[in-house]
Structures are given as structure tokens and as C-alpha cells.
């Protein structure tokens, strides 16, 4: 069960995000750059089981990207009772390899961010690529580990919603800054590119649920809006 709490002061969080951008030597967004939430809003994480299911599905799709046969992938999804957690574009890719292979490979970083949300990795550093050790904390699909067995093995310890909201705000600002760098042909501060930052933001936008008068119901995975 997720816990809903008061969201932190959005202006204080934004100030901390901008301080981090400055520390990294990144351009700062314009003064009218919108806040992610308003004073008085509330925040929670999606249910842990939903985040676990999304991690498992993304991990399976990455396995398909790197050669897992469609029949084996479908069999694992059925055995793990995860078919309902697969989006239509994902299903087309899993069953027939249809869709943008490169975009599915990029989900590696979205998976990394979701792993951070569940406490499976200690940090989500914009300077560093995905932690190689993360694979040990993911379902061992090739070894026949089911979704249920994996959940029992990892014992997820989700982040506090306030911490997750702060990291979402940071990635909202980072996403803008990295795209600005790439547009200007400037060098990046670390080993992570704009695609990776965008994927991490996508995962955080999905996992962190904000409640207030200006927020709609949480979007589906494919409905996450990264246009602003």
C-alpha cells in the first residue's frame, strides 16, 4: 500500500534542483519554467506491486532486444501472470519484434530509475550510467525465476515519496538542460546523455503520483507526457 504525504515546498525543491544543475555546469531553465507541483499538493508512489511489474516487463523487453525468442518471452509473461502489465506497443514487440528496437533498448535507464524508486539501487546519479550490479537484483529470467519468486527475493524498500518527488523535479530540469546542451553541440558533464536522462524522467513521472487541483489521474506508461 502506498502512503500519501504532503508534497515539499516546490520552490525550495526547485532551488535545490537549480543548485545541482549549476554544480554540474549545466544551463539553467528560464525563470518561467513551470514547477512540477503546487504548494499544498500531495504526493505518493504507485503501489509497489505495480512498480515491480513494470520493472519485470521492461527487463523482459530488454531480454527480447538482445535475442530472447518470442515464445520464451510470452511463456515467461504467462507463467508470471504479467500479460496485463504489458502495453500494446510492448506486446507487439515481444510477440513479433514490431516497433522501434532502439527505443526499447533505451528503456534500460527507465528501468534503472524504477529500481531506485524501490530501493534496489542506492543512487541515481546524472553523471553515471546504469550500475552494472543492478542485473543481479532483476528477475533471473534465463534461469527460470518467476515474477513471484523475484518479488520474494528482493524485498523492495521503496523510497520516501518526498525524496522521489525531489528527484523527479531534478530530472525535469536535467531533461531541459541536457536537450539544450545537445542542441548547442556542447559536451555533456558525465557519461549519461539526453536520452538516458529522458528515460529516467519518464520512469519518475510515472512512478511518482502527485495529487492536487491541477493534476489529472496518473497516466499509463505510454501516456507519460515528456513534452514540457
Protein backbone atom coordinates (compact mmCIF):
# COMPACT_ATOMS: atom_id res chain seq x y z
CA UNK A 1 0.00 0.00 0.00
CA UNK A 2 1.36 3.42 -0.93
CA UNK A 3 1.48 6.28 1.58
CA UNK A 4 0.25 9.74 0.57
CA UNK A 5 2.02 12.68 2.21
CA UNK A 6 2.21 16.45 1.78
CA UNK A 7 4.49 17.37 -1.11
CA UNK A 8 7.50 19.50 -0.15
CA UNK A 9 7.59 23.22 -0.97
CA UNK A 10 8.00 23.19 -4.78
CA UNK A 11 10.05 26.40 -4.79
CA UNK A 12 12.55 25.08 -2.26
CA UNK A 13 12.86 21.84 -4.23
CA UNK A 14 13.35 23.78 -7.47
CA UNK A 15 16.06 25.89 -5.85
CA UNK A 16 17.90 22.70 -4.87
CA UNK A 17 17.47 21.33 -8.42
CA UNK A 18 18.92 24.50 -9.93
CA UNK A 19 21.82 24.40 -7.47
CA UNK A 20 22.58 20.89 -8.69
CA UNK A 21 22.46 22.00 -12.34
CA UNK A 22 24.88 24.81 -11.50
CA UNK A 23 27.20 22.37 -9.73
CA UNK A 24 27.24 20.21 -12.86
CA UNK A 25 27.92 23.23 -15.07
CA UNK A 26 24.61 22.84 -16.91
CA UNK A 27 22.48 25.64 -18.38
CA UNK A 28 19.56 26.76 -16.19
CA UNK A 29 15.98 26.76 -17.48
CA UNK A 30 14.22 30.12 -17.93
CA UNK A 31 12.57 31.81 -14.94
CA UNK A 32 9.09 30.89 -16.24
CA UNK A 33 9.97 27.18 -16.35
CA UNK A 34 6.96 25.54 -14.66
CA UNK A 35 7.01 23.87 -11.28
CA UNK A 36 6.12 20.16 -11.22
CA UNK A 37 3.56 20.64 -8.44
CA UNK A 38 1.91 23.43 -6.46
CA UNK A 39 2.05 24.34 -2.75
CA UNK A 40 -0.46 22.21 -0.86
CA UNK A 41 -0.33 19.25 -3.26
CA UNK A 42 0.18 15.71 -2.00
CA UNK A 43 2.50 13.00 -3.27
CA UNK A 44 2.66 9.22 -3.17
CA UNK A 45 4.31 6.42 -5.09
CA UNK A 46 2.42 3.98 -7.25
CA UNK A 47 1.74 0.69 -5.46
CA UNK A 48 4.94 -1.32 -5.05
CA UNK A 49 3.43 -4.28 -6.92
CA UNK A 50 2.73 -2.06 -9.95
CA UNK A 51 6.31 -0.74 -9.99
CA UNK A 52 7.67 -4.29 -9.61
CA UNK A 53 5.52 -5.41 -12.54
CA UNK A 54 6.76 -2.52 -14.69
CA UNK A 55 10.40 -3.37 -13.85
CA UNK A 56 9.83 -7.01 -14.75
CA UNK A 57 8.16 -6.16 -18.06
CA UNK A 58 10.91 -3.71 -19.06
CA UNK A 59 13.54 -6.28 -18.13
CA UNK A 60 11.80 -8.90 -20.27
CA UNK A 61 11.61 -6.47 -23.22
CA UNK A 62 15.34 -5.81 -22.90
CA UNK A 63 15.89 -9.58 -22.96
CA UNK A 64 13.89 -9.68 -26.22
CA UNK A 65 16.04 -6.82 -27.58
CA UNK A 66 19.12 -8.95 -27.01
CA UNK A 67 17.90 -12.19 -28.54
CA UNK A 68 15.36 -13.90 -26.27
CA UNK A 69 12.94 -15.82 -28.55
CA UNK A 70 9.34 -14.51 -28.61
CA UNK A 71 7.91 -17.86 -27.50
CA UNK A 72 10.12 -17.95 -24.40
CA UNK A 73 9.20 -14.35 -23.59
CA UNK A 74 5.47 -14.99 -23.88
CA UNK A 75 5.81 -18.15 -21.82
CA UNK A 76 7.54 -16.21 -19.02
CA UNK A 77 4.88 -13.48 -19.06
CA UNK A 78 2.09 -16.06 -18.87
CA UNK A 79 3.80 -18.03 -16.11
CA UNK A 80 4.38 -14.83 -14.14
CA UNK A 81 0.80 -13.61 -14.77
CA UNK A 82 2.10 -10.33 -16.18
CA UNK A 83 0.37 -10.21 -19.57
CA UNK A 84 -1.98 -7.45 -18.34
CA UNK A 85 1.03 -5.29 -17.36
CA UNK A 86 2.34 -5.19 -20.95
CA UNK A 87 1.28 -2.18 -23.06
CA UNK A 88 0.05 -2.72 -26.66
CA UNK A 89 3.31 -1.43 -28.26
CA UNK A 90 5.31 -3.65 -25.90
CA UNK A 91 3.15 -6.66 -26.76
CA UNK A 92 3.72 -6.10 -30.48
CA UNK A 93 7.46 -6.04 -29.87
CA UNK A 94 7.50 -9.07 -27.56
CA UNK A 95 5.41 -11.24 -29.87
CA UNK A 96 6.61 -10.14 -33.29
CA UNK A 97 9.56 -7.77 -32.96
CA UNK A 98 7.44 -4.91 -34.33
CA UNK A 99 8.26 -1.35 -33.22
CA UNK A 100 11.31 0.80 -32.63
CA UNK A 101 14.02 -1.56 -31.35
CA UNK A 102 16.26 1.34 -30.34
CA UNK A 103 13.57 2.99 -28.19
CA UNK A 104 13.04 -0.28 -26.30
CA UNK A 105 16.78 -0.62 -25.68
CA UNK A 106 16.79 2.89 -24.19
CA UNK A 107 14.34 1.69 -21.52
CA UNK A 108 17.44 0.36 -19.73
CA UNK A 109 17.65 3.75 -18.00
CA UNK A 110 13.92 3.89 -17.20
CA UNK A 111 14.32 0.52 -15.52
CA UNK A 112 17.29 1.86 -13.55
CA UNK A 113 15.20 4.77 -12.23
CA UNK A 114 12.35 2.45 -11.22
CA UNK A 115 14.88 0.25 -9.43
CA UNK A 116 15.99 3.31 -7.47
CA UNK A 117 12.36 4.04 -6.53
CA UNK A 118 12.10 0.56 -4.99
CA UNK A 119 15.46 0.78 -3.23
CA UNK A 120 17.11 -1.83 -5.47
CA UNK A 121 19.94 0.57 -6.29
CA UNK A 122 21.41 3.17 -3.97
CA UNK A 123 21.70 6.21 -6.23
CA UNK A 124 20.51 7.72 -9.48
CA UNK A 125 23.42 9.94 -10.38
CA UNK A 126 23.08 12.01 -13.59
CA UNK A 127 26.84 11.70 -14.06
CA UNK A 128 26.89 7.91 -14.03
CA UNK A 129 25.45 5.18 -16.29
CA UNK A 130 23.37 2.27 -15.05
CA UNK A 131 25.02 0.33 -12.25
CA UNK A 132 26.29 -2.99 -13.69
CA UNK A 133 25.37 -4.75 -10.45
CA UNK A 134 21.71 -3.93 -10.94
CA UNK A 135 21.22 -7.00 -13.14
CA UNK A 136 21.68 -9.22 -10.05
CA UNK A 137 18.64 -7.54 -8.47
CA UNK A 138 16.40 -8.11 -11.51
CA UNK A 139 14.40 -11.25 -12.37
CA UNK A 140 16.72 -14.04 -13.49
CA UNK A 141 14.52 -14.86 -16.48
CA UNK A 142 17.01 -17.16 -18.24
CA UNK A 143 17.32 -19.21 -15.04
CA UNK A 144 13.54 -19.63 -14.84
CA UNK A 145 12.90 -17.29 -11.91
CA UNK A 146 9.24 -16.23 -11.97
CA UNK A 147 7.94 -12.78 -11.11
CA UNK A 148 6.57 -14.08 -7.80
CA UNK A 149 9.90 -15.69 -6.86
CA UNK A 150 11.74 -12.49 -7.75
CA UNK A 151 9.46 -10.34 -5.60
CA UNK A 152 10.05 -12.63 -2.64
CA UNK A 153 13.82 -12.48 -3.21
CA UNK A 154 14.30 -8.71 -3.48
CA UNK A 155 12.08 -7.47 -0.62
CA UNK A 156 11.60 -3.97 -2.08
CA UNK A 157 12.11 -0.98 0.23
CA UNK A 158 10.50 1.97 -1.61
CA UNK A 159 11.90 5.48 -1.30
CA UNK A 160 10.02 8.10 0.68
CA UNK A 161 7.59 9.91 -1.69
CA UNK A 162 9.14 13.31 -0.80
CA UNK A 163 12.60 12.11 -1.88
CA UNK A 164 11.19 10.66 -5.09
CA UNK A 165 9.35 13.93 -5.83
CA UNK A 166 12.57 15.91 -5.36
CA UNK A 167 14.40 13.62 -7.77
CA UNK A 168 11.55 13.99 -10.27
CA UNK A 169 11.91 17.78 -10.14
CA UNK A 170 15.66 17.46 -10.65
CA UNK A 171 15.16 15.25 -13.71
CA UNK A 172 12.55 17.63 -15.08
CA UNK A 173 15.23 20.34 -15.00
CA UNK A 174 18.01 17.99 -16.17
CA UNK A 175 15.93 16.90 -19.16
CA UNK A 176 15.64 20.52 -20.31
CA UNK A 177 19.34 21.23 -19.68
CA UNK A 178 20.63 18.14 -21.49
CA UNK A 179 18.47 18.83 -24.53
CA UNK A 180 19.83 22.41 -24.56
CA UNK A 181 23.40 21.07 -24.46
CA UNK A 182 22.74 18.69 -27.34
CA UNK A 183 21.03 21.38 -29.41
CA UNK A 184 24.07 23.60 -28.95
CA UNK A 185 26.53 20.80 -29.63
CA UNK A 186 28.11 21.28 -26.22
CA UNK A 187 29.82 18.49 -24.29
CA UNK A 188 27.99 16.64 -21.51
CA UNK A 189 29.22 16.75 -17.90
CA UNK A 190 29.31 12.98 -17.41
CA UNK A 191 28.76 9.60 -19.06
CA UNK A 192 25.00 9.96 -19.44
CA UNK A 193 23.28 11.51 -22.49
CA UNK A 194 19.95 13.28 -23.01
CA UNK A 195 18.21 10.02 -23.98
CA UNK A 196 19.17 8.41 -20.67
CA UNK A 197 18.05 11.45 -18.66
CA UNK A 198 14.75 11.47 -20.57
CA UNK A 199 14.19 7.79 -19.81
CA UNK A 200 14.89 8.30 -16.11
CA UNK A 201 12.49 11.23 -16.07
CA UNK A 202 9.85 9.09 -17.84
CA UNK A 203 10.10 6.46 -15.10
CA UNK A 204 9.91 9.03 -12.29
CA UNK A 205 6.97 10.85 -13.92
CA UNK A 206 5.14 7.51 -13.98
CA UNK A 207 6.12 6.24 -10.51
CA UNK A 208 5.59 9.49 -8.55
CA UNK A 209 1.89 10.32 -8.21
CA UNK A 210 1.04 13.94 -7.44
CA UNK A 211 -2.42 14.84 -6.15
CA UNK A 212 -3.94 18.31 -6.25
CA UNK A 213 -6.41 20.54 -8.13
CA UNK A 214 -4.16 20.78 -11.20
CA UNK A 215 -3.26 17.10 -11.51
CA UNK A 216 -5.16 14.59 -13.59
CA UNK A 217 -5.32 10.88 -12.79
CA UNK A 218 -1.92 9.15 -13.05
CA UNK A 219 -1.11 8.35 -16.69
CA UNK A 220 -0.48 4.93 -18.15
CA UNK A 221 3.11 4.08 -19.05
CA UNK A 222 2.64 5.06 -22.71
CA UNK A 223 0.73 8.25 -21.76
CA UNK A 224 3.51 9.91 -19.74
CA UNK A 225 3.94 13.43 -21.14
CA UNK A 226 7.57 14.49 -21.62
CA UNK A 227 6.79 17.41 -23.95
CA UNK A 228 7.47 20.18 -21.40
